[in-house]
């Protein structure tokens, strides 16, 4: 799990580093550390969250291991499966 704040201050260089981490597969999904929810990087709900609450994971499995649940908006199938378990 990588906290957004750990990547660096909110600057152009930080944005480039974040994009590089996504392109190399180091980051695959994002989460909200307060709500313990993870979802796709393109999710509108995730884009609106505070930077201080945003965390990144290398995979869905990594998010689940850290106790996060799938987003009901962008990961509907995974959310329904998680809820039924």
PDB file of N, CA and C in Angstrom:
ATOM      1  N   UNK A   1       0.850  -1.169   0.000  1.00  0.00           N
ATOM      2  CA  UNK A   1       0.000   0.000   0.000  1.00  0.00           C
ATOM      3  C   UNK A   1       0.900   1.237   0.000  1.00  0.00           C
ATOM      4  N   UNK A   2       0.571   2.176  -0.880  1.00  0.00           N
ATOM      5  CA  UNK A   2       1.337   3.412  -0.994  1.00  0.00           C
ATOM      6  C   UNK A   2       0.391   4.587  -0.775  1.00  0.00           C
ATOM      7  N   UNK A   3       0.678   5.420   0.195  1.00  0.00           N
ATOM      8  CA  UNK A   3      -0.142   6.620   0.422  1.00  0.00           C
ATOM      9  C   UNK A   3       0.229   7.672  -0.618  1.00  0.00           C
ATOM     10  N   UNK A   4      -0.764   8.365  -1.124  1.00  0.00           N
ATOM     11  CA  UNK A   4      -0.529   9.394  -2.138  1.00  0.00           C
ATOM     12  C   UNK A   4       0.461  10.432  -1.631  1.00  0.00           C
ATOM     13  N   UNK A   5       0.358  10.794  -0.384  1.00  0.00           N
ATOM     14  CA  UNK A   5       1.244  11.800   0.202  1.00  0.00           C
ATOM     15  C   UNK A   5       2.702  11.346   0.226  1.00  0.00           C
ATOM     16  N   UNK A   6       2.941  10.035   0.232  1.00  0.00           N
ATOM     17  CA  UNK A   6       4.310   9.507   0.261  1.00  0.00           C
ATOM     18  C   UNK A   6       5.013   9.668  -1.080  1.00  0.00           C
ATOM     19  N   UNK A   7       4.238   9.821  -2.152  1.00  0.00           N
ATOM     20  CA  UNK A   7       4.826   9.955  -3.483  1.00  0.00           C
ATOM     21  C   UNK A   7       5.489  11.321  -3.629  1.00  0.00           C
ATOM     22  N   UNK A   8       4.945  12.309  -2.967  1.00  0.00           N
ATOM     23  CA  UNK A   8       5.541  13.639  -3.003  1.00  0.00           C
ATOM     24  C   UNK A   8       4.491  14.716  -2.901  1.00  0.00           C
ATOM     25  N   UNK A   9       4.937  15.982  -2.843  1.00  0.00           N
ATOM     26  CA  UNK A   9       3.990  17.092  -2.769  1.00  0.00           C
ATOM     27  C   UNK A   9       3.190  17.210  -4.073  1.00  0.00           C
ATOM     28  N   UNK A  10       2.133  17.965  -4.036  1.00  0.00           N
ATOM     29  CA  UNK A  10       1.248  18.110  -5.191  1.00  0.00           C
ATOM     30  C   UNK A  10       1.899  19.017  -6.238  1.00  0.00           C
ATOM     31  N   UNK A  11       2.785  18.419  -7.056  1.00  0.00           N
ATOM     32  CA  UNK A  11       3.494  19.179  -8.085  1.00  0.00           C
ATOM     33  C   UNK A  11       3.474  18.410  -9.396  1.00  0.00           C
ATOM     34  N   UNK A  12       3.966  19.045 -10.445  1.00  0.00           N
ATOM     35  CA  UNK A  12       4.046  18.406 -11.756  1.00  0.00           C
ATOM     36  C   UNK A  12       4.950  17.172 -11.701  1.00  0.00           C
ATOM     37  N   UNK A  13       6.071  17.269 -10.977  1.00  0.00           N
ATOM     38  CA  UNK A  13       7.001  16.139 -10.860  1.00  0.00           C
ATOM     39  C   UNK A  13       6.330  14.949 -10.179  1.00  0.00           C
ATOM     40  N   UNK A  14       5.503  15.213  -9.185  1.00  0.00           N
ATOM     41  CA  UNK A  14       4.783  14.146  -8.498  1.00  0.00           C
ATOM     42  C   UNK A  14       3.787  13.491  -9.440  1.00  0.00           C
ATOM     43  N   UNK A  15       3.099  14.300 -10.242  1.00  0.00           N
ATOM     44  CA  UNK A  15       2.151  13.762 -11.222  1.00  0.00           C
ATOM     45  C   UNK A  15       2.859  12.869 -12.225  1.00  0.00           C
ATOM     46  N   UNK A  16       4.043  13.271 -12.658  1.00  0.00           N
ATOM     47  CA  UNK A  16       4.829  12.451 -13.601  1.00  0.00           C
ATOM     48  C   UNK A  16       5.243  11.139 -12.951  1.00  0.00           C
ATOM     49  N   UNK A  17       5.669  11.192 -11.687  1.00  0.00           N
ATOM     50  CA  UNK A  17       6.077   9.973 -10.981  1.00  0.00           C
ATOM     51  C   UNK A  17       4.887   9.030 -10.817  1.00  0.00           C
ATOM     52  N   UNK A  18       3.731   9.581 -10.485  1.00  0.00           N
ATOM     53  CA  UNK A  18       2.520   8.777 -10.340  1.00  0.00           C
ATOM     54  C   UNK A  18       2.163   8.101 -11.666  1.00  0.00           C
ATOM     55  N   UNK A  19       2.216   8.855 -12.759  1.00  0.00           N
ATOM     56  CA  UNK A  19       1.925   8.291 -14.078  1.00  0.00           C
ATOM     57  C   UNK A  19       2.913   7.182 -14.423  1.00  0.00           C
ATOM     58  N   UNK A  20       4.173   7.393 -14.096  1.00  0.00           N
ATOM     59  CA  UNK A  20       5.210   6.382 -14.345  1.00  0.00           C
ATOM     60  C   UNK A  20       4.915   5.103 -13.555  1.00  0.00           C
ATOM     61  N   UNK A  21       4.491   5.251 -12.304  1.00  0.00           N
ATOM     62  CA  UNK A  21       4.176   4.092 -11.467  1.00  0.00           C
ATOM     63  C   UNK A  21       2.971   3.328 -12.017  1.00  0.00           C
ATOM     64  N   UNK A  22       2.014   4.040 -12.576  1.00  0.00           N
ATOM     65  CA  UNK A  22       0.850   3.397 -13.183  1.00  0.00           C
ATOM     66  C   UNK A  22       1.269   2.673 -14.453  1.00  0.00           C
ATOM     67  N   UNK A  23       2.070   3.333 -15.290  1.00  0.00           N
ATOM     68  CA  UNK A  23       2.513   2.745 -16.557  1.00  0.00           C
ATOM     69  C   UNK A  23       3.356   1.486 -16.356  1.00  0.00           C
ATOM     70  N   UNK A  24       4.140   1.443 -15.291  1.00  0.00           N
ATOM     71  CA  UNK A  24       4.996   0.279 -15.041  1.00  0.00           C
ATOM     72  C   UNK A  24       4.270  -0.832 -14.290  1.00  0.00           C
ATOM     73  N   UNK A  25       3.030  -0.571 -13.867  1.00  0.00           N
ATOM     74  CA  UNK A  25       2.264  -1.591 -13.166  1.00  0.00           C
ATOM     75  C   UNK A  25       2.492  -1.629 -11.669  1.00  0.00           C
ATOM     76  N   UNK A  26       3.266  -0.677 -11.169  1.00  0.00           N
ATOM     77  CA  UNK A  26       3.517  -0.602  -9.723  1.00  0.00           C
ATOM     78  C   UNK A  26       2.233  -0.214  -8.986  1.00  0.00           C
ATOM     79  N   UNK A  27       1.345   0.494  -9.688  1.00  0.00           N
ATOM     80  CA  UNK A  27       0.043   0.885  -9.149  1.00  0.00           C
ATOM     81  C   UNK A  27      -1.035   0.389 -10.105  1.00  0.00           C
ATOM     82  N   UNK A  28      -2.037  -0.340  -9.574  1.00  0.00           N
ATOM     83  CA  UNK A  28      -3.116  -0.866 -10.415  1.00  0.00           C
ATOM     84  C   UNK A  28      -4.493  -0.368  -9.983  1.00  0.00           C
ATOM     85  N   UNK A  29      -4.693  -0.186  -8.682  1.00  0.00           N
ATOM     86  CA  UNK A  29      -5.973   0.301  -8.154  1.00  0.00           C
ATOM     87  C   UNK A  29      -5.697   1.323  -7.049  1.00  0.00           C
ATOM     88  N   UNK A  30      -6.723   2.138  -6.779  1.00  0.00           N
ATOM     89  CA  UNK A  30      -6.606   3.158  -5.737  1.00  0.00           C
ATOM     90  C   UNK A  30      -7.658   2.905  -4.670  1.00  0.00           C
ATOM     91  N   UNK A  31      -7.417   3.435  -3.491  1.00  0.00           N
ATOM     92  CA  UNK A  31      -8.369   3.246  -2.410  1.00  0.00           C
ATOM     93  C   UNK A  31      -8.509   4.472  -1.531  1.00  0.00           C
ATOM     94  N   UNK A  32      -9.539   4.435  -0.710  1.00  0.00           N
ATOM     95  CA  UNK A  32      -9.782   5.481   0.276  1.00  0.00           C
ATOM     96  C   UNK A  32      -9.447   4.882   1.642  1.00  0.00           C
ATOM     97  N   UNK A  33      -8.408   5.407   2.273  1.00  0.00           N
ATOM     98  CA  UNK A  33      -7.950   4.785   3.529  1.00  0.00           C
ATOM     99  C   UNK A  33      -8.922   4.995   4.674  1.00  0.00           C
ATOM    100  N   UNK A  34      -9.746   6.027   4.634  1.00  0.00           N
ATOM    101  CA  UNK A  34     -10.737   6.255   5.695  1.00  0.00           C
ATOM    102  C   UNK A  34     -11.920   5.302   5.559  1.00  0.00           C
ATOM    103  N   UNK A  35     -12.396   5.104   4.332  1.00  0.00           N
ATOM    104  CA  UNK A  35     -13.571   4.261   4.089  1.00  0.00           C
ATOM    105  C   UNK A  35     -13.225   2.800   3.835  1.00  0.00           C
ATOM    106  N   UNK A  36     -11.935   2.514   3.599  1.00  0.00           N
ATOM    107  CA  UNK A  36     -11.459   1.152   3.310  1.00  0.00           C
ATOM    108  C   UNK A  36     -12.138   0.583   2.059  1.00  0.00           C
ATOM    109  N   UNK A  37     -12.198   1.411   0.987  1.00  0.00           N
ATOM    110  CA  UNK A  37     -12.773   1.014  -0.293  1.00  0.00           C
ATOM    111  C   UNK A  37     -11.693   1.176  -1.356  1.00  0.00           C
ATOM    112  N   UNK A  38     -11.618   0.245  -2.308  1.00  0.00           N
ATOM    113  CA  UNK A  38     -10.696   0.392  -3.435  1.00  0.00           C
ATOM    114  C   UNK A  38     -11.472   0.307  -4.739  1.00  0.00           C
ATOM    115  N   UNK A  39     -10.901   0.889  -5.781  1.00  0.00           N
ATOM    116  CA  UNK A  39     -11.551   0.867  -7.086  1.00  0.00           C
ATOM    117  C   UNK A  39     -10.576   1.164  -8.212  1.00  0.00           C
ATOM    118  N   UNK A  40     -11.131   1.251  -9.408  1.00  0.00           N
ATOM    119  CA  UNK A  40     -10.324   1.530 -10.589  1.00  0.00           C
ATOM    120  C   UNK A  40      -9.780   2.948 -10.524  1.00  0.00           C
ATOM    121  N   UNK A  41      -8.643   3.156 -11.174  1.00  0.00           N
ATOM    122  CA  UNK A  41      -8.019   4.470 -11.173  1.00  0.00           C
ATOM    123  C   UNK A  41      -8.886   5.503 -11.894  1.00  0.00           C
ATOM    124  N   UNK A  42      -9.747   5.056 -12.781  1.00  0.00           N
ATOM    125  CA  UNK A  42     -10.601   5.959 -13.556  1.00  0.00           C
ATOM    126  C   UNK A  42     -11.941   6.269 -12.886  1.00  0.00           C
ATOM    127  N   UNK A  43     -12.196   5.710 -11.729  1.00  0.00           N
ATOM    128  CA  UNK A  43     -13.483   5.881 -11.047  1.00  0.00           C
ATOM    129  C   UNK A  43     -13.710   7.343 -10.639  1.00  0.00           C
ATOM    130  N   UNK A  44     -14.880   7.854 -10.958  1.00  0.00           N
ATOM    131  CA  UNK A  44     -15.223   9.224 -10.604  1.00  0.00           C
ATOM    132  C   UNK A  44     -15.242   9.460  -9.104  1.00  0.00           C
ATOM    133  N   UNK A  45     -15.697   8.472  -8.358  1.00  0.00           N
ATOM    134  CA  UNK A  45     -15.719   8.600  -6.894  1.00  0.00           C
ATOM    135  C   UNK A  45     -14.306   8.746  -6.353  1.00  0.00           C
ATOM    136  N   UNK A  46     -13.393   7.978  -6.894  1.00  0.00           N
ATOM    137  CA  UNK A  46     -12.006   8.037  -6.443  1.00  0.00           C
ATOM    138  C   UNK A  46     -11.320   9.340  -6.785  1.00  0.00           C
ATOM    139  N   UNK A  47     -11.684   9.893  -7.927  1.00  0.00           N
ATOM    140  CA  UNK A  47     -11.065  11.154  -8.341  1.00  0.00           C
ATOM    141  C   UNK A  47     -11.487  12.320  -7.452  1.00  0.00           C
ATOM    142  N   UNK A  48     -12.631  12.202  -6.782  1.00  0.00           N
ATOM    143  CA  UNK A  48     -13.117  13.281  -5.929  1.00  0.00           C
ATOM    144  C   UNK A  48     -12.592  13.215  -4.494  1.00  0.00           C
ATOM    145  N   UNK A  49     -11.964  12.126  -4.111  1.00  0.00           N
ATOM    146  CA  UNK A  49     -11.540  11.993  -2.708  1.00  0.00           C
ATOM    147  C   UNK A  49     -10.359  12.891  -2.387  1.00  0.00           C
ATOM    148  N   UNK A  50     -10.222  13.203  -1.120  1.00  0.00           N
ATOM    149  CA  UNK A  50      -9.108  14.022  -0.662  1.00  0.00           C
ATOM    150  C   UNK A  50      -7.802  13.273  -0.887  1.00  0.00           C
ATOM    151  N   UNK A  51      -6.795  14.010  -1.266  1.00  0.00           N
ATOM    152  CA  UNK A  51      -5.475  13.432  -1.504  1.00  0.00           C
ATOM    153  C   UNK A  51      -4.943  12.740  -0.248  1.00  0.00           C
ATOM    154  N   UNK A  52      -5.239  13.295   0.910  1.00  0.00           N
ATOM    155  CA  UNK A  52      -4.738  12.732   2.172  1.00  0.00           C
ATOM    156  C   UNK A  52      -5.376  11.371   2.477  1.00  0.00           C
ATOM    157  N   UNK A  53      -6.510  11.057   1.859  1.00  0.00           N
ATOM    158  CA  UNK A  53      -7.174   9.768   2.082  1.00  0.00           C
ATOM    159  C   UNK A  53      -6.842   8.734   1.003  1.00  0.00           C
ATOM    160  N   UNK A  54      -6.178   9.151  -0.081  1.00  0.00           N
ATOM    161  CA  UNK A  54      -5.938   8.272  -1.225  1.00  0.00           C
ATOM    162  C   UNK A  54      -4.722   7.380  -1.003  1.00  0.00           C
ATOM    163  N   UNK A  55      -4.904   6.097  -1.278  1.00  0.00           N
ATOM    164  CA  UNK A  55      -3.816   5.122  -1.238  1.00  0.00           C
ATOM    165  C   UNK A  55      -3.833   4.341  -2.539  1.00  0.00           C
ATOM    166  N   UNK A  56      -2.720   3.722  -2.868  1.00  0.00           N
ATOM    167  CA  UNK A  56      -2.603   2.942  -4.093  1.00  0.00           C
ATOM    168  C   UNK A  56      -2.144   1.523  -3.774  1.00  0.00           C
ATOM    169  N   UNK A  57      -2.582   0.585  -4.606  1.00  0.00           N
ATOM    170  CA  UNK A  57      -2.225  -0.825  -4.442  1.00  0.00           C
ATOM    171  C   UNK A  57      -1.689  -1.382  -5.758  1.00  0.00           C
ATOM    172  N   UNK A  58      -0.866  -2.416  -5.649  1.00  0.00           N
ATOM    173  CA  UNK A  58      -0.325  -3.047  -6.849  1.00  0.00           C
ATOM    174  C   UNK A  58      -1.344  -3.945  -7.528  1.00  0.00           C
ATOM    175  N   UNK A  59      -2.349  -4.398  -6.777  1.00  0.00           N
ATOM    176  CA  UNK A  59      -3.372  -5.289  -7.343  1.00  0.00           C
ATOM    177  C   UNK A  59      -4.617  -5.280  -6.462  1.00  0.00           C
ATOM    178  N   UNK A  60      -5.677  -5.851  -6.984  1.00  0.00           N
ATOM    179  CA  UNK A  60      -6.901  -6.006  -6.194  1.00  0.00           C
ATOM    180  C   UNK A  60      -6.626  -6.896  -4.987  1.00  0.00           C
ATOM    181  N   UNK A  61      -5.834  -7.928  -5.192  1.00  0.00           N
ATOM    182  CA  UNK A  61      -5.492  -8.841  -4.094  1.00  0.00           C
ATOM    183  C   UNK A  61      -4.793  -8.091  -2.962  1.00  0.00           C
ATOM    184  N   UNK A  62      -3.878  -7.199  -3.322  1.00  0.00           N
ATOM    185  CA  UNK A  62      -3.173  -6.401  -2.326  1.00  0.00           C
ATOM    186  C   UNK A  62      -4.162  -5.557  -1.510  1.00  0.00           C
ATOM    187  N   UNK A  63      -5.145  -4.976  -2.186  1.00  0.00           N
ATOM    188  CA  UNK A  63      -6.157  -4.170  -1.491  1.00  0.00           C
ATOM    189  C   UNK A  63      -6.977  -5.040  -0.535  1.00  0.00           C
ATOM    190  N   UNK A  64      -7.373  -6.224  -0.987  1.00  0.00           N
ATOM    191  CA  UNK A  64      -8.159  -7.128  -0.145  1.00  0.00           C
ATOM    192  C   UNK A  64      -7.367  -7.583   1.077  1.00  0.00           C
ATOM    193  N   UNK A  65      -6.078  -7.860   0.879  1.00  0.00           N
ATOM    194  CA  UNK A  65      -5.211  -8.282   1.991  1.00  0.00           C
ATOM    195  C   UNK A  65      -5.134  -7.182   3.056  1.00  0.00           C
ATOM    196  N   UNK A  66      -5.178  -5.919   2.632  1.00  0.00           N
ATOM    197  CA  UNK A  66      -5.124  -4.795   3.565  1.00  0.00           C
ATOM    198  C   UNK A  66      -6.492  -4.464   4.158  1.00  0.00           C
ATOM    199  N   UNK A  67      -7.510  -5.267   3.859  1.00  0.00           N
ATOM    200  CA  UNK A  67      -8.817  -5.084   4.471  1.00  0.00           C
ATOM    201  C   UNK A  67      -9.759  -4.130   3.758  1.00  0.00           C
ATOM    202  N   UNK A  68      -9.492  -3.836   2.487  1.00  0.00           N
ATOM    203  CA  UNK A  68     -10.340  -2.934   1.714  1.00  0.00           C
ATOM    204  C   UNK A  68     -11.391  -3.742   0.948  1.00  0.00           C
ATOM    205  N   UNK A  69     -12.523  -3.104   0.653  1.00  0.00           N
ATOM    206  CA  UNK A  69     -13.578  -3.764  -0.116  1.00  0.00           C
ATOM    207  C   UNK A  69     -13.699  -3.084  -1.478  1.00  0.00           C
ATOM    208  N   UNK A  70     -14.250  -3.799  -2.485  1.00  0.00           N
ATOM    209  CA  UNK A  70     -14.404  -3.206  -3.821  1.00  0.00           C
ATOM    210  C   UNK A  70     -15.427  -2.067  -3.824  1.00  0.00           C
ATOM    211  N   UNK A  71     -15.230  -1.113  -4.711  1.00  0.00           N
ATOM    212  CA  UNK A  71     -16.145   0.011  -4.898  1.00  0.00           C
ATOM    213  C   UNK A  71     -17.431  -0.498  -5.559  1.00  0.00           C
ATOM    214  N   UNK A  72     -18.560  -0.096  -5.032  1.00  0.00           N
ATOM    215  CA  UNK A  72     -19.844  -0.500  -5.594  1.00  0.00           C
ATOM    216  C   UNK A  72     -20.183   0.223  -6.875  1.00  0.00           C
ATOM    217  N   UNK A  73     -19.447   1.267  -7.203  1.00  0.00           N
ATOM    218  CA  UNK A  73     -19.705   2.055  -8.405  1.00  0.00           C
ATOM    219  C   UNK A  73     -18.921   1.515  -9.611  1.00  0.00           C
ATOM    220  N   UNK A  74     -17.612   1.457  -9.511  1.00  0.00           N
ATOM    221  CA  UNK A  74     -16.782   1.084 -10.666  1.00  0.00           C
ATOM    222  C   UNK A  74     -16.449  -0.408 -10.725  1.00  0.00           C
ATOM    223  N   UNK A  75     -16.660  -1.134  -9.647  1.00  0.00           N
ATOM    224  CA  UNK A  75     -16.327  -2.558  -9.598  1.00  0.00           C
ATOM    225  C   UNK A  75     -17.548  -3.346  -9.121  1.00  0.00           C
ATOM    226  N   UNK A  76     -18.651  -3.121  -9.792  1.00  0.00           N
ATOM    227  CA  UNK A  76     -19.945  -3.649  -9.360  1.00  0.00           C
ATOM    228  C   UNK A  76     -19.929  -5.162  -9.138  1.00  0.00           C
ATOM    229  N   UNK A  77     -19.391  -5.922 -10.095  1.00  0.00           N
ATOM    230  CA  UNK A  77     -19.385  -7.395  -9.972  1.00  0.00           C
ATOM    231  C   UNK A  77     -18.577  -7.847  -8.762  1.00  0.00           C
ATOM    232  N   UNK A  78     -17.399  -7.270  -8.581  1.00  0.00           N
ATOM    233  CA  UNK A  78     -16.549  -7.631  -7.444  1.00  0.00           C
ATOM    234  C   UNK A  78     -17.227  -7.237  -6.136  1.00  0.00           C
ATOM    235  N   UNK A  79     -17.920  -6.098  -6.147  1.00  0.00           N
ATOM    236  CA  UNK A  79     -18.620  -5.635  -4.948  1.00  0.00           C
ATOM    237  C   UNK A  79     -19.750  -6.594  -4.576  1.00  0.00           C
ATOM    238  N   UNK A  80     -20.550  -7.011  -5.562  1.00  0.00           N
ATOM    239  CA  UNK A  80     -21.654  -7.937  -5.296  1.00  0.00           C
ATOM    240  C   UNK A  80     -21.117  -9.261  -4.762  1.00  0.00           C
ATOM    241  N   UNK A  81     -20.010  -9.754  -5.347  1.00  0.00           N
ATOM    242  CA  UNK A  81     -19.398 -10.994  -4.876  1.00  0.00           C
ATOM    243  C   UNK A  81     -18.884 -10.803  -3.443  1.00  0.00           C
ATOM    244  N   UNK A  82     -18.219  -9.692  -3.168  1.00  0.00           N
ATOM    245  CA  UNK A  82     -17.695  -9.412  -1.830  1.00  0.00           C
ATOM    246  C   UNK A  82     -18.835  -9.355  -0.816  1.00  0.00           C
ATOM    247  N   UNK A  83     -19.923  -8.699  -1.187  1.00  0.00           N
ATOM    248  CA  UNK A  83     -21.042  -8.538  -0.274  1.00  0.00           C
ATOM    249  C   UNK A  83     -21.725  -9.867   0.025  1.00  0.00           C
ATOM    250  N   UNK A  84     -21.791 -10.765  -0.950  1.00  0.00           N
ATOM    251  CA  UNK A  84     -22.466 -12.045  -0.745  1.00  0.00           C
ATOM    252  C   UNK A  84     -21.613 -13.029   0.076  1.00  0.00           C
ATOM    253  N   UNK A  85     -20.308 -12.793   0.141  1.00  0.00           N
ATOM    254  CA  UNK A  85     -19.418 -13.682   0.913  1.00  0.00           C
ATOM    255  C   UNK A  85     -19.467 -13.410   2.348  1.00  0.00           C
TER     256      UNK A  85
END
